[in-house]
Amino acid sequence: MTHPILPDTDVLVDYLRGRKNAVTLIQSCADRIILSSIAVAELYAGVKGENEEAALNDFVSLFRVVPVTQTLAQTGGFLKRDYGKSHGIGLADAIIAATALAEHAELKTLNTKHYPMFEGLR
């Protein structure tokens, strides 16, 4: 079975900026990509103008967006509690990690320090 791929916000930002590695990843695995609703919110927080918003709307509509459920919120809270001080993981990243765990997804990130719960993450 092929696992879904959950890109962290930093990878999505790089894709939207046209950075080659992120573009290659997203395009080569588009049928496996899922998005965390937290990452989507972070992307919208950085939108500047109607054109960017329209482009982001089009991009997000290509993928399944996983909503934050009570279970994800609880798991994210526990991950923040357990790794916040030692690894600097914020609540948003903790919920993204919880989403990857719940969806049995492969997390793709540029910030591996925040995700000690994923062994061998690169």
PDB file of N, CA and C in Angstrom:
ATOM      1  N   MET A   1       0.837  -1.193   0.000  1.00  0.00           N
ATOM      2  CA  MET A   1       0.000   0.000   0.000  1.00  0.00           C
ATOM      3  C   MET A   1       0.882   1.257   0.000  1.00  0.00           C
ATOM      4  N   THR A   2       0.522   2.198  -0.809  1.00  0.00           N
ATOM      5  CA  THR A   2       1.244   3.459  -0.885  1.00  0.00           C
ATOM      6  C   THR A   2       0.641   4.442   0.105  1.00  0.00           C
ATOM      7  N   HIS A   3       1.481   5.009   0.926  1.00  0.00           N
ATOM      8  CA  HIS A   3       1.013   5.957   1.935  1.00  0.00           C
ATOM      9  C   HIS A   3       0.836   7.345   1.334  1.00  0.00           C
ATOM     10  N   PRO A   4      -0.112   8.105   1.894  1.00  0.00           N
ATOM     11  CA  PRO A   4      -0.237   9.494   1.453  1.00  0.00           C
ATOM     12  C   PRO A   4       0.993  10.297   1.878  1.00  0.00           C
ATOM     13  N   ILE A   5       1.164  11.430   1.247  1.00  0.00           N
ATOM     14  CA  ILE A   5       2.256  12.344   1.580  1.00  0.00           C
ATOM     15  C   ILE A   5       1.645  13.629   2.105  1.00  0.00           C
ATOM     16  N   LEU A   6       2.114  14.049   3.281  1.00  0.00           N
ATOM     17  CA  LEU A   6       1.642  15.280   3.910  1.00  0.00           C
ATOM     18  C   LEU A   6       2.797  16.278   3.922  1.00  0.00           C
ATOM     19  N   PRO A   7       2.784  17.263   3.032  1.00  0.00           N
ATOM     20  CA  PRO A   7       3.848  18.267   3.057  1.00  0.00           C
ATOM     21  C   PRO A   7       3.630  19.257   4.197  1.00  0.00           C
ATOM     22  N   ASP A   8       4.702  19.578   4.883  1.00  0.00           N
ATOM     23  CA  ASP A   8       4.662  20.617   5.904  1.00  0.00           C
ATOM     24  C   ASP A   8       4.520  21.968   5.196  1.00  0.00           C
ATOM     25  N   THR A   9       4.156  22.971   5.941  1.00  0.00           N
ATOM     26  CA  THR A   9       3.931  24.300   5.372  1.00  0.00           C
ATOM     27  C   THR A   9       5.155  24.808   4.621  1.00  0.00           C
ATOM     28  N   ASP A  10       6.356  24.557   5.151  1.00  0.00           N
ATOM     29  CA  ASP A  10       7.559  25.068   4.487  1.00  0.00           C
ATOM     30  C   ASP A  10       7.733  24.493   3.085  1.00  0.00           C
ATOM     31  N   VAL A  11       7.401  23.242   2.900  1.00  0.00           N
ATOM     32  CA  VAL A  11       7.483  22.615   1.580  1.00  0.00           C
ATOM     33  C   VAL A  11       6.439  23.225   0.642  1.00  0.00           C
ATOM     34  N   LEU A  12       5.243  23.466   1.163  1.00  0.00           N
ATOM     35  CA  LEU A  12       4.185  24.079   0.350  1.00  0.00           C
ATOM     36  C   LEU A  12       4.556  25.498  -0.072  1.00  0.00           C
ATOM     37  N   VAL A  13       5.141  26.248   0.848  1.00  0.00           N
ATOM     38  CA  VAL A  13       5.585  27.610   0.522  1.00  0.00           C
ATOM     39  C   VAL A  13       6.648  27.558  -0.577  1.00  0.00           C
ATOM     40  N   ASP A  14       7.595  26.640  -0.449  1.00  0.00           N
ATOM     41  CA  ASP A  14       8.627  26.507  -1.479  1.00  0.00           C
ATOM     42  C   ASP A  14       8.013  26.139  -2.830  1.00  0.00           C
ATOM     43  N   TYR A  15       7.018  25.271  -2.822  1.00  0.00           N
ATOM     44  CA  TYR A  15       6.334  24.924  -4.074  1.00  0.00           C
ATOM     45  C   TYR A  15       5.695  26.164  -4.699  1.00  0.00           C
ATOM     46  N   LEU A  16       4.968  26.905  -3.887  1.00  0.00           N
ATOM     47  CA  LEU A  16       4.271  28.089  -4.395  1.00  0.00           C
ATOM     48  C   LEU A  16       5.246  29.164  -4.877  1.00  0.00           C
ATOM     49  N   ARG A  17       6.460  29.149  -4.365  1.00  0.00           N
ATOM     50  CA  ARG A  17       7.504  30.087  -4.813  1.00  0.00           C
ATOM     51  C   ARG A  17       8.292  29.543  -6.002  1.00  0.00           C
ATOM     52  N   GLY A  18       7.949  28.334  -6.428  1.00  0.00           N
ATOM     53  CA  GLY A  18       8.587  27.754  -7.605  1.00  0.00           C
ATOM     54  C   GLY A  18       9.934  27.117  -7.369  1.00  0.00           C
ATOM     55  N   ARG A  19      10.263  26.811  -6.120  1.00  0.00           N
ATOM     56  CA  ARG A  19      11.559  26.184  -5.828  1.00  0.00           C
ATOM     57  C   ARG A  19      11.566  24.742  -6.342  1.00  0.00           C
ATOM     58  N   LYS A  20      12.618  24.429  -7.059  1.00  0.00           N
ATOM     59  CA  LYS A  20      12.686  23.195  -7.842  1.00  0.00           C
ATOM     60  C   LYS A  20      12.394  21.923  -7.045  1.00  0.00           C
ATOM     61  N   ASN A  21      13.060  21.718  -5.906  1.00  0.00           N
ATOM     62  CA  ASN A  21      12.873  20.476  -5.147  1.00  0.00           C
ATOM     63  C   ASN A  21      11.426  20.290  -4.712  1.00  0.00           C
ATOM     64  N   ALA A  22      10.803  21.358  -4.250  1.00  0.00           N
ATOM     65  CA  ALA A  22       9.413  21.270  -3.807  1.00  0.00           C
ATOM     66  C   ALA A  22       8.477  21.047  -4.991  1.00  0.00           C
ATOM     67  N   VAL A  23       8.740  21.731  -6.097  1.00  0.00           N
ATOM     68  CA  VAL A  23       7.914  21.552  -7.300  1.00  0.00           C
ATOM     69  C   VAL A  23       8.005  20.106  -7.781  1.00  0.00           C
ATOM     70  N   THR A  24       9.208  19.565  -7.813  1.00  0.00           N
ATOM     71  CA  THR A  24       9.403  18.176  -8.235  1.00  0.00           C
ATOM     72  C   THR A  24       8.649  17.219  -7.322  1.00  0.00           C
ATOM     73  N   LEU A  25       8.764  17.418  -6.014  1.00  0.00           N
ATOM     74  CA  LEU A  25       8.074  16.551  -5.059  1.00  0.00           C
ATOM     75  C   LEU A  25       6.563  16.598  -5.263  1.00  0.00           C
ATOM     76  N   ILE A  26       5.992  17.781  -5.262  1.00  0.00           N
ATOM     77  CA  ILE A  26       4.536  17.919  -5.354  1.00  0.00           C
ATOM     78  C   ILE A  26       4.033  17.374  -6.687  1.00  0.00           C
ATOM     79  N   GLN A  27       4.711  17.697  -7.769  1.00  0.00           N
ATOM     80  CA  GLN A  27       4.255  17.239  -9.080  1.00  0.00           C
ATOM     81  C   GLN A  27       4.396  15.728  -9.249  1.00  0.00           C
ATOM     82  N   SER A  28       5.459  15.160  -8.709  1.00  0.00           N
ATOM     83  CA  SER A  28       5.680  13.721  -8.885  1.00  0.00           C
ATOM     84  C   SER A  28       4.783  12.868  -7.995  1.00  0.00           C
ATOM     85  N   CYS A  29       4.248  13.458  -6.944  1.00  0.00           N
ATOM     86  CA  CYS A  29       3.423  12.703  -5.995  1.00  0.00           C
ATOM     87  C   CYS A  29       2.027  13.301  -5.838  1.00  0.00           C
ATOM     88  N   ALA A  30       1.582  14.078  -6.796  1.00  0.00           N
ATOM     89  CA  ALA A  30       0.328  14.832  -6.651  1.00  0.00           C
ATOM     90  C   ALA A  30      -0.853  13.951  -6.276  1.00  0.00           C
ATOM     91  N   ASP A  31      -0.887  12.726  -6.782  1.00  0.00           N
ATOM     92  CA  ASP A  31      -2.010  11.838  -6.489  1.00  0.00           C
ATOM     93  C   ASP A  31      -1.978  11.292  -5.064  1.00  0.00           C
ATOM     94  N   ARG A  32      -0.878  11.491  -4.356  1.00  0.00           N
ATOM     95  CA  ARG A  32      -0.752  11.006  -2.974  1.00  0.00           C
ATOM     96  C   ARG A  32      -0.775  12.136  -1.948  1.00  0.00           C
ATOM     97  N   ILE A  33      -0.760  13.382  -2.396  1.00  0.00           N
ATOM     98  CA  ILE A  33      -0.666  14.528  -1.489  1.00  0.00           C
ATOM     99  C   ILE A  33      -1.982  14.743  -0.755  1.00  0.00           C
ATOM    100  N   ILE A  34      -1.870  14.950   0.557  1.00  0.00           N
ATOM    101  CA  ILE A  34      -2.976  15.438   1.375  1.00  0.00           C
ATOM    102  C   ILE A  34      -2.454  16.667   2.112  1.00  0.00           C
ATOM    103  N   LEU A  35      -3.356  17.536   2.512  1.00  0.00           N
ATOM    104  CA  LEU A  35      -2.954  18.760   3.202  1.00  0.00           C
ATOM    105  C   LEU A  35      -3.568  18.817   4.587  1.00  0.00           C
ATOM    106  N   SER A  36      -2.797  19.291   5.528  1.00  0.00           N
ATOM    107  CA  SER A  36      -3.320  19.584   6.860  1.00  0.00           C
ATOM    108  C   SER A  36      -4.070  20.908   6.794  1.00  0.00           C
ATOM    109  N   SER A  37      -5.225  20.971   7.438  1.00  0.00           N
ATOM    110  CA  SER A  37      -5.962  22.239   7.461  1.00  0.00           C
ATOM    111  C   SER A  37      -5.151  23.321   8.166  1.00  0.00           C
ATOM    112  N   ILE A  38      -4.260  22.935   9.059  1.00  0.00           N
ATOM    113  CA  ILE A  38      -3.389  23.899   9.734  1.00  0.00           C
ATOM    114  C   ILE A  38      -2.405  24.501   8.727  1.00  0.00           C
ATOM    115  N   ALA A  39      -1.803  23.668   7.892  1.00  0.00           N
ATOM    116  CA  ALA A  39      -0.884  24.175   6.862  1.00  0.00           C
ATOM    117  C   ALA A  39      -1.628  25.086   5.892  1.00  0.00           C
ATOM    118  N   VAL A  40      -2.848  24.720   5.551  1.00  0.00           N
ATOM    119  CA  VAL A  40      -3.650  25.560   4.655  1.00  0.00           C
ATOM    120  C   VAL A  40      -3.894  26.924   5.302  1.00  0.00           C
ATOM    121  N   ALA A  41      -4.226  26.936   6.588  1.00  0.00           N
ATOM    122  CA  ALA A  41      -4.435  28.208   7.300  1.00  0.00           C
ATOM    123  C   ALA A  41      -3.157  29.042   7.299  1.00  0.00           C
ATOM    124  N   GLU A  42      -2.011  28.388   7.514  1.00  0.00           N
ATOM    125  CA  GLU A  42      -0.739  29.115   7.497  1.00  0.00           C
ATOM    126  C   GLU A  42      -0.465  29.704   6.116  1.00  0.00           C
ATOM    127  N   LEU A  43      -0.808  28.984   5.070  1.00  0.00           N
ATOM    128  CA  LEU A  43      -0.626  29.517   3.715  1.00  0.00           C
ATOM    129  C   LEU A  43      -1.504  30.744   3.487  1.00  0.00           C
ATOM    130  N   TYR A  44      -2.766  30.662   3.895  1.00  0.00           N
ATOM    131  CA  TYR A  44      -3.664  31.806   3.714  1.00  0.00           C
ATOM    132  C   TYR A  44      -3.220  33.010   4.540  1.00  0.00           C
ATOM    133  N   ALA A  45      -2.570  32.772   5.660  1.00  0.00           N
ATOM    134  CA  ALA A  45      -2.079  33.881   6.488  1.00  0.00           C
ATOM    135  C   ALA A  45      -1.018  34.698   5.756  1.00  0.00           C
ATOM    136  N   GLY A  46      -0.346  34.085   4.791  1.00  0.00           N
ATOM    137  CA  GLY A  46       0.700  34.786   4.055  1.00  0.00           C
ATOM    138  C   GLY A  46       0.270  35.351   2.710  1.00  0.00           C
ATOM    139  N   VAL A  47      -1.001  35.205   2.369  1.00  0.00           N
ATOM    140  CA  VAL A  47      -1.492  35.672   1.066  1.00  0.00           C
ATOM    141  C   VAL A  47      -1.458  37.191   0.991  1.00  0.00           C
ATOM    142  N   LYS A  48      -0.957  37.671  -0.143  1.00  0.00           N
ATOM    143  CA  LYS A  48      -0.907  39.121  -0.392  1.00  0.00           C
ATOM    144  C   LYS A  48      -1.664  39.407  -1.677  1.00  0.00           C
ATOM    145  N   GLY A  49      -2.876  39.853  -1.562  1.00  0.00           N
ATOM    146  CA  GLY A  49      -3.644  40.261  -2.728  1.00  0.00           C
ATOM    147  C   GLY A  49      -4.544  39.183  -3.297  1.00  0.00           C
ATOM    148  N   GLU A  50      -5.451  39.644  -4.149  1.00  0.00           N
ATOM    149  CA  GLU A  50      -6.466  38.764  -4.724  1.00  0.00           C
ATOM    150  C   GLU A  50      -5.885  37.723  -5.670  1.00  0.00           C
ATOM    151  N   ASN A  51      -4.860  38.080  -6.425  1.00  0.00           N
ATOM    152  CA  ASN A  51      -4.261  37.118  -7.354  1.00  0.00           C
ATOM    153  C   ASN A  51      -3.631  35.947  -6.615  1.00  0.00           C
ATOM    154  N   GLU A  52      -2.902  36.238  -5.542  1.00  0.00           N
ATOM    155  CA  GLU A  52      -2.309  35.163  -4.734  1.00  0.00           C
ATOM    156  C   GLU A  52      -3.397  34.309  -4.103  1.00  0.00           C
ATOM    157  N   GLU A  53      -4.445  34.952  -3.629  1.00  0.00           N
ATOM    158  CA  GLU A  53      -5.543  34.201  -3.013  1.00  0.00           C
ATOM    159  C   GLU A  53      -6.202  33.271  -4.031  1.00  0.00           C
ATOM    160  N   ALA A  54      -6.438  33.765  -5.224  1.00  0.00           N
ATOM    161  CA  ALA A  54      -7.044  32.936  -6.271  1.00  0.00           C
ATOM    162  C   ALA A  54      -6.142  31.758  -6.633  1.00  0.00           C
ATOM    163  N   ALA A  55      -4.842  32.024  -6.741  1.00  0.00           N
ATOM    164  CA  ALA A  55      -3.890  30.953  -7.054  1.00  0.00           C
ATOM    165  C   ALA A  55      -3.855  29.916  -5.936  1.00  0.00           C
ATOM    166  N   LEU A  56      -3.902  30.383  -4.691  1.00  0.00           N
ATOM    167  CA  LEU A  56      -3.901  29.457  -3.561  1.00  0.00           C
ATOM    168  C   LEU A  56      -5.200  28.660  -3.524  1.00  0.00           C
ATOM    169  N   ASN A  57      -6.320  29.298  -3.790  1.00  0.00           N
ATOM    170  CA  ASN A  57      -7.600  28.578  -3.855  1.00  0.00           C
ATOM    171  C   ASN A  57      -7.520  27.437  -4.868  1.00  0.00           C
ATOM    172  N   ASP A  58      -6.969  27.737  -6.044  1.00  0.00           N
ATOM    173  CA  ASP A  58      -6.833  26.719  -7.091  1.00  0.00           C
ATOM    174  C   ASP A  58      -5.926  25.584  -6.640  1.00  0.00           C
ATOM    175  N   PHE A  59      -4.806  25.926  -6.011  1.00  0.00           N
ATOM    176  CA  PHE A  59      -3.853  24.915  -5.552  1.00  0.00           C
ATOM    177  C   PHE A  59      -4.482  24.015  -4.494  1.00  0.00           C
ATOM    178  N   VAL A  60      -5.073  24.603  -3.483  1.00  0.00           N
ATOM    179  CA  VAL A  60      -5.649  23.828  -2.377  1.00  0.00           C
ATOM    180  C   VAL A  60      -6.764  22.911  -2.876  1.00  0.00           C
ATOM    181  N   SER A  61      -7.521  23.369  -3.856  1.00  0.00           N
ATOM    182  CA  SER A  61      -8.648  22.575  -4.360  1.00  0.00           C
ATOM    183  C   SER A  61      -8.208  21.278  -5.035  1.00  0.00           C
ATOM    184  N   LEU A  62      -6.928  21.155  -5.344  1.00  0.00           N
ATOM    185  CA  LEU A  62      -6.416  19.948  -5.992  1.00  0.00           C
ATOM    186  C   LEU A  62      -6.264  18.771  -5.030  1.00  0.00           C
ATOM    187  N   PHE A  63      -6.299  19.041  -3.726  1.00  0.00           N
ATOM    188  CA  PHE A  63      -5.955  18.020  -2.739  1.00  0.00           C
ATOM    189  C   PHE A  63      -7.045  17.862  -1.673  1.00  0.00           C
ATOM    190  N   ARG A  64      -6.992  16.717  -1.005  1.00  0.00           N
ATOM    191  CA  ARG A  64      -7.872  16.510   0.150  1.00  0.00           C
ATOM    192  C   ARG A  64      -7.263  17.254   1.335  1.00  0.00           C
ATOM    193  N   VAL A  65      -8.073  18.064   1.984  1.00  0.00           N
ATOM    194  CA  VAL A  65      -7.634  18.804   3.169  1.00  0.00           C
ATOM    195  C   VAL A  65      -8.198  18.084   4.391  1.00  0.00           C
ATOM    196  N   VAL A  66      -7.302  17.688   5.292  1.00  0.00           N
ATOM    197  CA  VAL A  66      -7.700  16.949   6.493  1.00  0.00           C
ATOM    198  C   VAL A  66      -8.066  17.949   7.585  1.00  0.00           C
ATOM    199  N   PRO A  67      -9.318  17.925   8.048  1.00  0.00           N
ATOM    200  CA  PRO A  67      -9.726  18.867   9.092  1.00  0.00           C
ATOM    201  C   PRO A  67      -9.171  18.465  10.457  1.00  0.00           C
ATOM    202  N   VAL A  68      -9.109  19.430  11.338  1.00  0.00           N
ATOM    203  CA  VAL A  68      -8.691  19.153  12.713  1.00  0.00           C
ATOM    204  C   VAL A  68      -9.905  18.634  13.477  1.00  0.00           C
ATOM    205  N   THR A  69      -9.800  17.411  13.918  1.00  0.00           N
ATOM    206  CA  THR A  69     -10.851  16.798  14.727  1.00  0.00           C
ATOM    207  C   THR A  69     -10.457  16.890  16.198  1.00  0.00           C
ATOM    208  N   GLN A  70     -11.357  16.482  17.061  1.00  0.00           N
ATOM    209  CA  GLN A  70     -11.033  16.468  18.487  1.00  0.00           C
ATOM    210  C   GLN A  70      -9.847  15.540  18.753  1.00  0.00           C
ATOM    211  N   THR A  71      -9.815  14.402  18.082  1.00  0.00           N
ATOM    212  CA  THR A  71      -8.712  13.451  18.266  1.00  0.00           C
ATOM    213  C   THR A  71      -7.387  14.044  17.805  1.00  0.00           C
ATOM    214  N   LEU A  72      -7.393  14.716  16.641  1.00  0.00           N
ATOM    215  CA  LEU A  72      -6.158  15.358  16.170  1.00  0.00           C
ATOM    216  C   LEU A  72      -5.718  16.462  17.121  1.00  0.00           C
ATOM    217  N   ALA A  73      -6.684  17.230  17.607  1.00  0.00           N
ATOM    218  CA  ALA A  73      -6.354  18.301  18.552  1.00  0.00           C
ATOM    219  C   ALA A  73      -5.727  17.727  19.821  1.00  0.00           C
ATOM    220  N   GLN A  74      -6.290  16.643  20.313  1.00  0.00           N
ATOM    221  CA  GLN A  74      -5.762  16.012  21.524  1.00  0.00           C
ATOM    222  C   GLN A  74      -4.348  15.480  21.280  1.00  0.00           C
ATOM    223  N   THR A  75      -4.162  14.744  20.193  1.00  0.00           N
ATOM    224  CA  THR A  75      -2.835  14.207  19.880  1.00  0.00           C
ATOM    225  C   THR A  75      -1.832  15.333  19.668  1.00  0.00           C
ATOM    226  N   GLY A  76      -2.246  16.373  18.942  1.00  0.00           N
ATOM    227  CA  GLY A  76      -1.374  17.528  18.734  1.00  0.00           C
ATOM    228  C   GLY A  76      -0.988  18.191  20.044  1.00  0.00           C
ATOM    229  N   GLY A  77      -1.945  18.307  20.948  1.00  0.00           N
ATOM    230  CA  GLY A  77      -1.654  18.879  22.262  1.00  0.00           C
ATOM    231  C   GLY A  77      -0.640  18.054  23.034  1.00  0.00           C
ATOM    232  N   PHE A  78      -0.791  16.739  22.978  1.00  0.00           N
ATOM    233  CA  PHE A  78       0.165  15.865  23.660  1.00  0.00           C
ATOM    234  C   PHE A  78       1.555  15.957  23.028  1.00  0.00           C
ATOM    235  N   LEU A  79       1.616  16.039  21.699  1.00  0.00           N
ATOM    236  CA  LEU A  79       2.918  16.174  21.033  1.00  0.00           C
ATOM    237  C   LEU A  79       3.582  17.496  21.397  1.00  0.00           C
ATOM    238  N   LYS A  80       2.795  18.559  21.462  1.00  0.00           N
ATOM    239  CA  LYS A  80       3.320  19.872  21.884  1.00  0.00           C
ATOM    240  C   LYS A  80       3.855  19.776  23.306  1.00  0.00           C
ATOM    241  N   ARG A  81       3.083  19.132  24.174  1.00  0.00           N
ATOM    242  CA  ARG A  81       3.509  18.968  25.563  1.00  0.00           C
ATOM    243  C   ARG A  81       4.810  18.172  25.648  1.00  0.00           C
ATOM    244  N   ASP A  82       4.896  17.089  24.893  1.00  0.00           N
ATOM    245  CA  ASP A  82       6.036  16.180  24.997  1.00  0.00           C
ATOM    246  C   ASP A  82       7.296  16.680  24.289  1.00  0.00           C
ATOM    247  N   TYR A  83       7.135  17.473  23.226  1.00  0.00           N
ATOM    248  CA  TYR A  83       8.290  17.875  22.420  1.00  0.00           C
ATOM    249  C   TYR A  83       8.479  19.387  22.307  1.00  0.00           C
ATOM    250  N   GLY A  84       7.586  20.154  22.878  1.00  0.00           N
ATOM    251  CA  GLY A  84       7.651  21.610  22.745  1.00  0.00           C
ATOM    252  C   GLY A  84       8.944  22.202  23.266  1.00  0.00           C
ATOM    253  N   LYS A  85       9.283  21.881  24.489  1.00  0.00           N
ATOM    254  CA  LYS A  85      10.494  22.461  25.088  1.00  0.00           C
ATOM    255  C   LYS A  85      11.766  21.844  24.522  1.00  0.00           C
ATOM    256  N   SER A  86      11.774  20.542  24.341  1.00  0.00           N
ATOM    257  CA  SER A  86      13.003  19.868  23.915  1.00  0.00           C
ATOM    258  C   SER A  86      13.328  20.083  22.438  1.00  0.00           C
ATOM    259  N   HIS A  87      12.300  20.258  21.598  1.00  0.00           N
ATOM    260  CA  HIS A  87      12.533  20.352  20.156  1.00  0.00           C
ATOM    261  C   HIS A  87      11.979  21.626  19.532  1.00  0.00           C
ATOM    262  N   GLY A  88      11.381  22.472  20.341  1.00  0.00           N
ATOM    263  CA  GLY A  88      10.874  23.747  19.846  1.00  0.00           C
ATOM    264  C   GLY A  88       9.655  23.635  18.949  1.00  0.00           C
ATOM    265  N   ILE A  89       8.940  22.525  19.042  1.00  0.00           N
ATOM    266  CA  ILE A  89       7.764  22.347  18.189  1.00  0.00           C
ATOM    267  C   ILE A  89       6.620  23.217  18.699  1.00  0.00           C
ATOM    268  N   GLY A  90       6.039  23.978  17.803  1.00  0.00           N
ATOM    269  CA  GLY A  90       4.889  24.802  18.134  1.00  0.00           C
ATOM    270  C   GLY A  90       3.609  24.002  17.982  1.00  0.00           C
ATOM    271  N   LEU A  91       2.514  24.594  18.403  1.00  0.00           N
ATOM    272  CA  LEU A  91       1.237  23.893  18.345  1.00  0.00           C
ATOM    273  C   LEU A  91       0.839  23.561  16.905  1.00  0.00           C
ATOM    274  N   ALA A  92       1.058  24.478  15.978  1.00  0.00           N
ATOM    275  CA  ALA A  92       0.696  24.211  14.575  1.00  0.00           C
ATOM    276  C   ALA A  92       1.457  22.994  14.047  1.00  0.00           C
ATOM    277  N   ASP A  93       2.763  22.947  14.275  1.00  0.00           N
ATOM    278  CA  ASP A  93       3.554  21.809  13.810  1.00  0.00           C
ATOM    279  C   ASP A  93       3.152  20.524  14.526  1.00  0.00           C
ATOM    280  N   ALA A  94       2.779  20.623  15.786  1.00  0.00           N
ATOM    281  CA  ALA A  94       2.334  19.440  16.527  1.00  0.00           C
ATOM    282  C   ALA A  94       1.047  18.880  15.928  1.00  0.00           C
ATOM    283  N   ILE A  95       0.139  19.753  15.520  1.00  0.00           N
ATOM    284  CA  ILE A  95      -1.111  19.286  14.906  1.00  0.00           C
ATOM    285  C   ILE A  95      -0.841  18.729  13.510  1.00  0.00           C
ATOM    286  N   ILE A  96       0.085  19.319  12.784  1.00  0.00           N
ATOM    287  CA  ILE A  96       0.474  18.763  11.484  1.00  0.00           C
ATOM    288  C   ILE A  96       1.063  17.365  11.679  1.00  0.00           C
ATOM    289  N   ALA A  97       1.908  17.190  12.687  1.00  0.00           N
ATOM    290  CA  ALA A  97       2.470  15.870  12.990  1.00  0.00           C
ATOM    291  C   ALA A  97       1.370  14.886  13.363  1.00  0.00           C
ATOM    292  N   ALA A  98       0.420  15.323  14.178  1.00  0.00           N
ATOM    293  CA  ALA A  98      -0.700  14.461  14.563  1.00  0.00           C
ATOM    294  C   ALA A  98      -1.500  14.039  13.335  1.00  0.00           C
ATOM    295  N   THR A  99      -1.651  14.950  12.396  1.00  0.00           N
ATOM    296  CA  THR A  99      -2.368  14.641  11.154  1.00  0.00           C
ATOM    297  C   THR A  99      -1.631  13.563  10.367  1.00  0.00           C
ATOM    298  N   ALA A 100      -0.321  13.714  10.240  1.00  0.00           N
ATOM    299  CA  ALA A 100       0.474  12.713   9.522  1.00  0.00           C
ATOM    300  C   ALA A 100       0.363  11.348  10.193  1.00  0.00           C
ATOM    301  N   LEU A 101       0.433  11.326  11.514  1.00  0.00           N
ATOM    302  CA  LEU A 101       0.317  10.058  12.238  1.00  0.00           C
ATOM    303  C   LEU A 101      -1.054   9.426  12.024  1.00  0.00           C
ATOM    304  N   ALA A 102      -2.111  10.210  12.154  1.00  0.00           N
ATOM    305  CA  ALA A 102      -3.477   9.689  12.026  1.00  0.00           C
ATOM    306  C   ALA A 102      -3.767   9.183  10.613  1.00  0.00           C
ATOM    307  N   GLU A 103      -3.184   9.839   9.626  1.00  0.00           N
ATOM    308  CA  GLU A 103      -3.429   9.474   8.224  1.00  0.00           C
ATOM    309  C   GLU A 103      -2.421   8.445   7.703  1.00  0.00           C
ATOM    310  N   HIS A 104      -1.502   8.014   8.569  1.00  0.00           N
ATOM    311  CA  HIS A 104      -0.426   7.102   8.163  1.00  0.00           C
ATOM    312  C   HIS A 104       0.297   7.675   6.946  1.00  0.00           C
ATOM    313  N   ALA A 105       0.552   8.973   7.027  1.00  0.00           N
ATOM    314  CA  ALA A 105       1.156   9.699   5.908  1.00  0.00           C
ATOM    315  C   ALA A 105       2.646   9.906   6.132  1.00  0.00           C
ATOM    316  N   GLU A 106       3.340  10.038   5.037  1.00  0.00           N
ATOM    317  CA  GLU A 106       4.758  10.370   5.050  1.00  0.00           C
ATOM    318  C   GLU A 106       4.859  11.895   5.122  1.00  0.00           C
ATOM    319  N   LEU A 107       5.436  12.401   6.199  1.00  0.00           N
ATOM    320  CA  LEU A 107       5.578  13.844   6.382  1.00  0.00           C
ATOM    321  C   LEU A 107       6.814  14.330   5.644  1.00  0.00           C
ATOM    322  N   LYS A 108       6.638  15.364   4.829  1.00  0.00           N
ATOM    323  CA  LYS A 108       7.757  15.983   4.118  1.00  0.00           C
ATOM    324  C   LYS A 108       7.946  17.382   4.686  1.00  0.00           C
ATOM    325  N   THR A 109       9.142  17.650   5.203  1.00  0.00           N
ATOM    326  CA  THR A 109       9.425  18.934   5.835  1.00  0.00           C
ATOM    327  C   THR A 109      10.873  19.338   5.606  1.00  0.00           C
ATOM    328  N   LEU A 110      11.125  20.618   5.731  1.00  0.00           N
ATOM    329  CA  LEU A 110      12.493  21.131   5.716  1.00  0.00           C
ATOM    330  C   LEU A 110      12.997  21.351   7.136  1.00  0.00           C
ATOM    331  N   ASN A 111      12.122  21.172   8.108  1.00  0.00           N
ATOM    332  CA  ASN A 111      12.447  21.448   9.502  1.00  0.00           C
ATOM    333  C   ASN A 111      12.334  20.164  10.323  1.00  0.00           C
ATOM    334  N   THR A 112      13.287  19.263  10.134  1.00  0.00           N
ATOM    335  CA  THR A 112      13.217  17.956  10.783  1.00  0.00           C
ATOM    336  C   THR A 112      13.338  18.038  12.299  1.00  0.00           C
ATOM    337  N   LYS A 113      13.943  19.094  12.822  1.00  0.00           N
ATOM    338  CA  LYS A 113      14.121  19.221  14.275  1.00  0.00           C
ATOM    339  C   LYS A 113      12.779  19.214  15.009  1.00  0.00           C
ATOM    340  N   HIS A 114      11.757  19.764  14.395  1.00  0.00           N
ATOM    341  CA  HIS A 114      10.459  19.853  15.060  1.00  0.00           C
ATOM    342  C   HIS A 114       9.695  18.540  15.069  1.00  0.00           C
ATOM    343  N   TYR A 115      10.207  17.529  14.397  1.00  0.00           N
ATOM    344  CA  TYR A 115       9.440  16.297  14.248  1.00  0.00           C
ATOM    345  C   TYR A 115      10.202  15.062  14.722  1.00  0.00           C
ATOM    346  N   PRO A 116      10.585  15.014  15.997  1.00  0.00           N
ATOM    347  CA  PRO A 116      11.328  13.861  16.499  1.00  0.00           C
ATOM    348  C   PRO A 116      10.484  12.588  16.561  1.00  0.00           C
ATOM    349  N   MET A 117       9.164  12.730  16.453  1.00  0.00           N
ATOM    350  CA  MET A 117       8.285  11.566  16.521  1.00  0.00           C
ATOM    351  C   MET A 117       8.302  10.759  15.228  1.00  0.00           C
ATOM    352  N   PHE A 118       9.021  11.267  14.210  1.00  0.00           N
ATOM    353  CA  PHE A 118       9.138  10.562  12.940  1.00  0.00           C
ATOM    354  C   PHE A 118      10.581  10.133  12.746  1.00  0.00           C
ATOM    355  N   GLU A 119      10.842   8.869  13.011  1.00  0.00           N
ATOM    356  CA  GLU A 119      12.191   8.334  12.887  1.00  0.00           C
ATOM    357  C   GLU A 119      12.655   8.377  11.437  1.00  0.00           C
ATOM    358  N   GLY A 120      13.875   8.783  11.219  1.00  0.00           N
ATOM    359  CA  GLY A 120      14.457   8.770   9.884  1.00  0.00           C
ATOM    360  C   GLY A 120      13.944   9.852   8.953  1.00  0.00           C
ATOM    361  N   LEU A 121      13.295  10.849   9.483  1.00  0.00           N
ATOM    362  CA  LEU A 121      12.755  11.930   8.658  1.00  0.00           C
ATOM    363  C   LEU A 121      13.892  12.734   8.049  1.00  0.00           C
ATOM    364  N   ARG A 122      13.792  12.982   6.739  1.00  0.00           N
ATOM    365  CA  ARG A 122      14.802  13.777   6.037  1.00  0.00           C
ATOM    366  C   ARG A 122      14.138  14.851   5.233  1.00  0.00           C
TER     367      ARG A 122
END
